[in-house]
C-alpha cells in the first residue's frame, strides 16, 4: 500500500466492517520507535531537511528518519 522506504511501509493494515457490511481498510497507528543516535549534524542557514537526508542516507525522502530520531511528528517541529 505504501512505497518501499516509506515510514508506513511496515505498519499493519487493519480492516473494519461497518453496519452495511462494507469493509474499510486503514493503517494502524505508527508509534515512533526508539532511535539511537548515529551521527550529529549542525544545520546551516537555509539548509533543507531533504538535503540533510540526502547527505546521510542518500535518499531525500528518508527525511522522516531524522524526524523520528528527534521525536518530531512533522518536519516543521524541528525548527522550534
Protein backbone atom coordinates (compact mmCIF):
# COMPACT_ATOMS: atom_id res chain seq x y z
CA UNK A 1 0.00 0.00 0.00
CA UNK A 2 2.91 2.36 0.74
CA UNK A 3 6.05 2.75 -1.32
CA UNK A 4 9.25 0.98 -0.31
CA UNK A 5 11.14 3.13 2.18
CA UNK A 6 8.02 4.87 3.48
CA UNK A 7 7.74 5.38 7.22
CA UNK A 8 4.45 3.43 7.00
CA UNK A 9 5.84 0.53 4.96
CA UNK A 10 5.86 -1.91 7.89
CA UNK A 11 2.81 -0.60 9.76
CA UNK A 12 -0.01 -3.15 9.75
CA UNK A 13 -3.19 -2.53 7.80
CA UNK A 14 -6.46 -3.43 9.56
CA UNK A 15 -9.99 -3.87 8.27
CA UNK A 16 -13.19 -2.70 9.90
CA UNK A 17 -16.60 -3.83 8.66
CA UNK A 18 -19.39 -1.28 9.09
CA UNK A 19 -23.11 -1.96 9.63
CA UNK A 20 -23.76 -2.28 5.90
CA UNK A 21 -21.07 -4.92 5.51
CA UNK A 22 -18.64 -2.60 3.75
CA UNK A 23 -15.00 -3.34 4.57
CA UNK A 24 -12.94 -0.27 5.43
CA UNK A 25 -9.16 -0.72 5.33
CA UNK A 26 -6.96 1.59 7.36
CA UNK A 27 -3.40 1.85 8.56
CA UNK A 28 -2.99 1.29 12.27
CA UNK A 29 -1.14 3.75 14.49
CA UNK A 30 2.56 4.09 13.81
CA UNK A 31 4.47 4.57 17.03
CA UNK A 32 7.86 6.25 16.78
CA UNK A 33 10.48 3.66 17.70
CA UNK A 34 13.47 4.35 19.93
CA UNK A 35 16.10 5.63 17.52
CA UNK A 36 19.73 5.55 18.60
CA UNK A 37 21.94 8.49 17.70
CA UNK A 38 24.34 7.58 14.91
CA UNK A 39 25.69 10.98 13.91
CA UNK A 40 25.17 14.63 14.63
CA UNK A 41 24.60 17.40 12.13
CA UNK A 42 24.98 21.13 12.50
CA UNK A 43 22.26 22.81 10.47
CA UNK A 44 23.43 25.72 8.35
CA UNK A 45 21.33 28.71 7.33
CA UNK A 46 18.85 27.85 4.54
CA UNK A 47 19.70 24.14 4.71
CA UNK A 48 16.70 21.93 3.99
CA UNK A 49 15.77 18.65 5.63
CA UNK A 50 15.69 16.76 2.33
CA UNK A 51 19.28 17.88 1.64
CA UNK A 52 20.39 16.65 5.04
CA UNK A 53 18.64 13.33 4.41
CA UNK A 54 20.49 13.03 1.09
CA UNK A 55 23.83 13.66 2.82
CA UNK A 56 23.24 10.97 5.45
CA UNK A 57 21.02 8.41 3.72
CA UNK A 58 21.50 9.13 0.00
CA UNK A 59 17.72 9.42 -0.24
CA UNK A 60 15.95 12.76 0.27
CA UNK A 61 12.64 11.02 1.01
CA UNK A 62 14.09 9.48 4.15
CA UNK A 63 13.82 12.82 5.97
CA UNK A 64 11.34 11.11 8.27
CA UNK A 65 14.21 9.16 9.87
CA UNK A 66 15.64 12.47 11.07
CA UNK A 67 12.20 13.42 12.41
CA UNK A 68 11.94 10.10 14.26
CA UNK A 69 15.40 10.47 15.80
CA UNK A 70 14.39 13.90 17.10
CA UNK A 71 10.90 12.84 18.22
CA UNK A 72 9.31 15.25 15.74
CA UNK A 73 5.97 14.32 14.21
CA UNK A 74 6.27 16.94 11.47
CA UNK A 75 9.41 18.35 9.82
CA UNK A 76 8.45 21.88 10.89
CA UNK A 77 8.65 20.73 14.51
CA UNK A 78 12.44 20.61 14.09
CA UNK A 79 12.53 24.38 13.65
CA UNK A 80 11.45 25.06 17.20
